[in-house]
Amino acid sequence: MKSKIIIAVLALVIVVGGAYLDFRIFTLRKKINELELNYATLQNSFNNLQYGYSQLETAHNSLQANYDSLESDYESLESDYYLLEEDFQSLKTDYNTLLAENRDLEELVYLYESVPHSYYSTDAFTRHANTWEELGDFLTYEFRLPTRYKVDVFDCSESSAYLEWALETAGFDADIVSGPLPSDPTSGYHAWVIVQTKEYKVAVEATALTGKHYLGYLILGRIPGVVYGNDSLIDYWQNYYDGYDETYKNIYNAIRIDRATWEWDWWEEYWEY
């Protein structure tokens, strides 16, 4: 009897234990299923996050590439800007230089326009051969200064300009020259004329071709105004040939160098004798 009770108790324990185990197994299985579901959900979320990260990383790399490209473009544009700025400054300097040159040329044209029209194209004098003999005839028999010497009105520069004009018009090769006063280089500045004939280089003192000076040359049997080489009457003759420091090929050259006409404009000065 006792053994049956024990067996019955054991059977009950086994049945209850089995039921409990089944319950525990069911509960654990349920939790496992829930965990598996959560894991799957987390795995899916992780995958989504990983995909999102990959997308963000791709976007970041693309933006970084764009940034690097833009930065390179900016540096290139900055370099181009500085080059253009240099070119602009250079062009601005050139423009200002050209503007100044244009103003200078306009002023020069204005001065040129004050010179009589066809200055060297006139029949005021008979044409001569460019020889020493013809020069002597011209200065002795044909040429006269149109007015007497007057300081700052019709002095050495106007006299020389007039003489150069007359000589060129008559067919001679003449230049106006200027330099220290030949008779006293420390006392002032002077202008005279150099004529290059076929035979000789001849210095001519334009201011001597007036009044009493002119007659004095004729009395001495000399060509008026001419300073002879090894001149026995002018001990400083060499200064006329070597002492000048400026040569004016014509009236326009004189005006261009001096940027003025007042020194040479014999055509505008007084006419009296």
Protein backbone atom coordinates (compact mmCIF):
# COMPACT_ATOMS: atom_id res chain seq x y z
CA MET A 1 0.00 0.00 0.00
CA LYS A 2 2.72 2.33 0.93
CA SER A 3 4.61 1.63 -2.21
CA LYS A 4 1.57 2.43 -4.29
CA ILE A 5 1.29 5.79 -2.57
CA ILE A 6 4.88 6.51 -3.26
CA ILE A 7 4.49 5.52 -6.84
CA ALA A 8 1.36 7.66 -7.09
CA VAL A 9 3.21 10.61 -5.55
CA LEU A 10 6.13 10.12 -7.90
CA ALA A 11 3.77 9.84 -10.82
CA LEU A 12 2.09 13.06 -9.72
CA VAL A 13 5.43 14.73 -9.28
CA ILE A 14 6.46 13.56 -12.73
CA VAL A 15 3.18 14.70 -14.24
CA VAL A 16 3.33 18.05 -12.45
CA GLY A 17 7.03 18.39 -13.21
CA GLY A 18 6.42 17.53 -16.85
CA ALA A 19 3.62 20.04 -17.02
CA TYR A 20 5.85 22.65 -15.40
CA LEU A 21 8.68 21.83 -17.76
CA ASP A 22 6.32 22.06 -20.69
CA PHE A 23 5.16 25.42 -19.41
CA ARG A 24 8.71 26.59 -18.90
CA ILE A 25 9.66 25.31 -22.33
CA PHE A 26 6.64 27.07 -23.82
CA THR A 27 7.53 30.26 -21.96
CA LEU A 28 11.17 30.08 -22.99
CA ARG A 29 10.22 29.28 -26.57
CA LYS A 30 7.90 32.27 -26.55
CA LYS A 31 10.69 34.47 -25.22
CA ILE A 32 13.06 33.02 -27.79
CA ASN A 33 10.54 33.79 -30.51
CA GLU A 34 10.15 37.32 -29.18
CA LEU A 35 13.93 37.71 -28.97
CA GLU A 36 14.30 36.35 -32.49
CA LEU A 37 11.65 38.79 -33.66
CA ASN A 38 13.38 41.66 -31.84
CA TYR A 39 16.70 40.53 -33.24
CA ALA A 40 15.25 40.47 -36.71
CA THR A 41 13.79 43.91 -36.13
CA LEU A 42 17.10 45.18 -34.75
CA GLN A 43 18.96 43.49 -37.59
CA ASN A 44 16.66 45.18 -40.08
CA SER A 45 17.12 48.51 -38.30
CA PHE A 46 20.86 47.96 -38.24
CA ASN A 47 20.84 47.13 -41.93
CA ASN A 48 18.78 50.24 -42.58
CA LEU A 49 21.16 52.32 -40.49
CA GLN A 50 24.14 50.78 -42.23
CA TYR A 51 22.55 51.51 -45.60
CA GLY A 52 21.76 55.03 -44.45
CA TYR A 53 25.35 55.44 -43.24
CA SER A 54 26.61 54.14 -46.57
CA GLN A 55 24.37 56.64 -48.35
CA LEU A 56 25.53 59.45 -46.07
CA GLU A 57 29.15 58.42 -46.57
CA THR A 58 28.64 58.42 -50.35
CA ALA A 59 26.96 61.84 -50.10
CA HIS A 60 29.78 63.06 -47.85
CA ASN A 61 32.41 61.83 -50.29
CA SER A 62 30.53 63.48 -53.16
CA LEU A 63 30.26 66.73 -51.20
CA GLN A 64 33.93 66.51 -50.25
CA ALA A 65 34.84 65.99 -53.91
CA ASN A 66 32.64 68.95 -54.86
CA TYR A 67 34.20 71.01 -52.08
CA ASP A 68 37.71 70.07 -53.21
CA SER A 69 36.77 70.91 -56.81
CA LEU A 70 35.22 74.23 -55.77
CA GLU A 71 38.25 75.02 -53.64
CA SER A 72 40.51 74.27 -56.61
CA ASP A 73 38.30 76.43 -58.84
CA TYR A 74 38.39 79.21 -56.24
CA GLU A 75 42.18 79.10 -56.05
CA SER A 76 42.37 79.11 -59.85
CA LEU A 77 39.92 82.02 -60.05
CA GLU A 78 41.82 83.85 -57.32
CA SER A 79 45.04 83.36 -59.29
CA ASP A 80 43.30 84.55 -62.47
CA TYR A 81 41.93 87.55 -60.57
CA TYR A 82 45.37 88.61 -59.42
CA LEU A 83 46.71 88.19 -62.97
CA LEU A 84 43.80 90.23 -64.32
CA GLU A 85 44.40 92.82 -61.60
CA GLU A 86 48.04 93.07 -62.70
CA ASP A 87 46.94 93.32 -66.34
CA PHE A 88 44.41 95.98 -65.38
CA GLN A 89 47.00 98.01 -63.51
CA SER A 90 49.41 97.62 -66.44
CA LEU A 91 46.70 98.66 -68.92
CA LYS A 92 45.74 101.56 -66.66
CA THR A 93 49.36 102.70 -66.61
CA ASP A 94 49.58 102.31 -70.40
CA TYR A 95 46.30 104.22 -70.76
CA ASN A 96 47.53 107.08 -68.59
CA THR A 97 50.81 107.11 -70.53
CA LEU A 98 48.95 107.18 -73.86
CA LEU A 99 46.62 109.85 -72.50
CA ALA A 100 49.59 111.99 -71.52
CA GLU A 101 51.26 111.35 -74.89
CA ASN A 102 48.02 112.24 -76.66
CA ARG A 103 47.77 115.51 -74.72
CA ASP A 104 51.40 116.16 -75.54
CA LEU A 105 50.78 115.48 -79.24
CA GLU A 106 47.68 117.67 -79.23
CA GLU A 107 49.75 120.47 -77.73
CA LEU A 108 52.47 119.86 -80.33
CA VAL A 109 49.92 119.89 -83.17
CA TYR A 110 48.57 123.16 -81.80
CA LEU A 111 52.10 124.60 -81.85
CA TYR A 112 52.73 123.25 -85.35
CA GLU A 113 49.52 124.87 -86.54
CA SER A 114 50.88 128.26 -85.47
CA VAL A 115 53.64 127.90 -88.10
CA PRO A 116 52.69 129.50 -91.44
CA HIS A 117 51.16 127.08 -93.93
CA SER A 118 53.65 125.57 -96.43
CA TYR A 119 56.48 127.05 -94.38
CA TYR A 120 59.28 125.74 -96.61
CA SER A 121 57.29 125.71 -99.85
CA THR A 122 57.60 129.30 -100.95
CA ASP A 123 59.16 131.17 -103.86
CA ALA A 124 60.34 134.04 -101.66
CA PHE A 125 63.93 133.40 -102.79
CA THR A 126 65.55 132.19 -106.00
CA ARG A 127 66.75 128.59 -105.85
CA HIS A 128 70.50 128.03 -105.69
CA ALA A 129 72.89 125.13 -105.92
CA ASN A 130 74.07 124.09 -102.46
CA THR A 131 77.66 125.29 -102.96
CA TRP A 132 80.03 127.63 -101.17
CA GLU A 133 80.04 130.08 -104.08
CA GLU A 134 76.25 130.19 -104.31
CA LEU A 135 75.98 130.61 -100.54
CA GLY A 136 78.32 133.60 -100.74
CA ASP A 137 76.26 135.16 -103.53
CA PHE A 138 73.01 134.60 -101.65
CA LEU A 139 74.24 136.13 -98.37
CA THR A 140 76.01 139.01 -100.13
CA TYR A 141 73.47 140.08 -102.72
CA GLU A 142 70.06 138.59 -101.92
CA PHE A 143 69.54 138.05 -98.22
CA ARG A 144 68.63 140.62 -95.59
CA LEU A 145 67.04 140.22 -92.20
CA PRO A 146 63.60 141.83 -92.36
CA THR A 147 64.03 143.82 -89.16
CA ARG A 148 66.65 144.98 -86.71
CA TYR A 149 67.84 143.06 -83.66
CA LYS A 150 65.69 143.41 -80.53
CA VAL A 151 66.22 141.38 -77.36
CA ASP A 152 63.40 138.89 -76.61
CA VAL A 153 61.51 140.08 -79.70
CA PHE A 154 63.76 139.48 -82.70
CA ASP A 155 67.04 138.32 -81.26
CA CYS A 156 69.45 135.46 -82.07
CA SER A 157 66.80 132.71 -82.08
CA GLU A 158 64.31 134.51 -84.35
CA SER A 159 67.17 135.70 -86.56
CA SER A 160 68.53 132.17 -86.88
CA ALA A 161 65.07 130.72 -87.53
CA TYR A 162 64.47 133.29 -90.26
CA LEU A 163 67.90 132.68 -91.81
CA GLU A 164 67.41 128.89 -91.76
CA TRP A 165 64.02 129.31 -93.43
CA ALA A 166 65.48 131.59 -96.11
CA LEU A 167 68.44 129.27 -96.79
CA GLU A 168 66.29 126.14 -97.01
CA THR A 169 63.84 127.96 -99.28
CA ALA A 170 66.77 129.02 -101.49
CA GLY A 171 68.04 125.43 -101.77
CA PHE A 172 70.74 125.25 -99.09
CA ASP A 173 71.12 122.55 -96.42
CA ALA A 174 70.85 124.57 -93.20
CA ASP A 175 70.30 123.78 -89.51
CA ILE A 176 69.61 126.01 -86.53
CA VAL A 177 72.05 125.29 -83.70
CA SER A 178 72.27 126.54 -80.12
CA GLY A 179 74.82 126.44 -77.35
CA PRO A 180 76.90 128.62 -75.02
CA LEU A 181 77.61 132.08 -76.43
CA PRO A 182 80.70 131.53 -78.64
CA SER A 183 82.37 134.81 -77.66
CA ASP A 184 81.91 134.13 -73.92
CA PRO A 185 80.51 130.64 -73.11
CA THR A 186 79.99 131.44 -69.44
CA SER A 187 77.82 134.51 -70.04
CA GLY A 188 74.78 133.08 -71.77
CA TYR A 189 73.20 130.98 -74.47
CA HIS A 190 73.06 131.69 -78.18
CA ALA A 191 71.62 130.47 -81.49
CA TRP A 192 73.18 130.57 -84.96
CA VAL A 193 73.07 128.59 -88.23
CA ILE A 194 75.22 125.83 -89.71
CA VAL A 195 75.12 125.39 -93.50
CA GLN A 196 76.46 122.18 -95.01
CA THR A 197 77.42 123.06 -98.58
CA LYS A 198 78.78 120.50 -101.01
CA GLU A 199 82.29 121.64 -100.11
CA TYR A 200 82.27 122.92 -96.54
CA LYS A 201 80.53 123.14 -93.23
CA VAL A 202 79.86 126.85 -92.74
CA ALA A 203 78.86 128.65 -89.53
CA VAL A 204 76.74 131.76 -89.99
CA GLU A 205 76.04 134.36 -87.29
CA ALA A 206 72.46 135.41 -88.10
CA THR A 207 72.48 138.53 -85.91
CA ALA A 208 75.41 139.91 -87.92
CA LEU A 209 73.26 140.17 -91.03
CA THR A 210 71.77 143.53 -90.04
CA GLY A 211 72.62 147.18 -90.58
CA LYS A 212 76.15 148.22 -89.70
CA HIS A 213 77.30 144.62 -89.22
CA TYR A 214 76.31 143.76 -92.77
CA LEU A 215 78.09 146.78 -94.20
CA GLY A 216 81.19 145.98 -92.14
CA TYR A 217 81.47 142.57 -93.79
CA LEU A 218 81.17 144.13 -97.25
CA ILE A 219 83.85 146.71 -96.47
CA LEU A 220 86.21 143.93 -95.39
CA GLY A 221 85.37 141.92 -98.51
CA ARG A 222 83.90 139.07 -96.49
CA ILE A 223 80.65 137.13 -96.90
CA PRO A 224 78.16 138.69 -94.45
CA GLY A 225 77.57 136.65 -91.31
CA VAL A 226 80.00 133.83 -92.19
CA VAL A 227 82.44 132.74 -89.49
CA TYR A 228 85.45 131.41 -91.36
CA GLY A 229 87.58 128.51 -90.22
CA ASN A 230 90.81 129.81 -88.66
CA ASP A 231 89.16 133.23 -88.76
CA SER A 232 91.78 135.91 -88.16
CA LEU A 233 89.13 138.39 -87.00
CA ILE A 234 87.25 136.04 -84.67
CA ASP A 235 89.59 134.22 -82.30
CA TYR A 236 86.74 132.15 -80.87
CA TRP A 237 85.64 130.87 -84.32
CA GLN A 238 86.06 127.26 -83.20
CA ASN A 239 83.14 127.65 -80.78
CA TYR A 240 80.84 128.29 -83.72
CA TYR A 241 81.79 124.94 -85.24
CA ASP A 242 82.11 122.74 -82.17
CA GLY A 243 80.51 124.66 -79.30
CA TYR A 244 76.82 124.00 -79.92
CA ASP A 245 74.94 121.28 -78.03
CA GLU A 246 71.59 121.26 -79.85
CA THR A 247 70.82 120.93 -83.55
CA TYR A 248 67.40 121.71 -85.02
CA LYS A 249 66.95 120.27 -88.51
CA ASN A 250 63.95 122.49 -89.18
CA ILE A 251 61.44 124.75 -87.45
CA TYR A 252 59.20 121.82 -86.51
CA ASN A 253 62.10 120.01 -84.88
CA ALA A 254 62.92 123.16 -82.90
CA ILE A 255 59.32 123.48 -81.71
CA ARG A 256 59.12 119.78 -80.82
CA ILE A 257 62.31 119.89 -78.76
CA ASP A 258 61.54 123.18 -76.99
CA ARG A 259 57.75 122.63 -76.80
CA ALA A 260 57.30 126.31 -77.62
CA THR A 261 57.18 128.66 -80.59
CA TRP A 262 57.96 131.96 -78.85
CA GLU A 263 61.70 131.44 -79.23
CA TRP A 264 61.53 130.96 -83.01
CA ASP A 265 58.36 132.67 -84.28
CA TRP A 266 59.93 135.37 -86.42
CA TRP A 267 56.69 135.48 -88.45
CA GLU A 268 54.80 136.96 -85.51
CA GLU A 269 57.26 139.57 -84.31
CA TYR A 270 57.51 143.28 -85.00
CA TRP A 271 58.61 144.51 -88.42
CA GLU A 272 60.52 147.74 -88.33
CA TYR A 273 63.97 148.87 -89.28
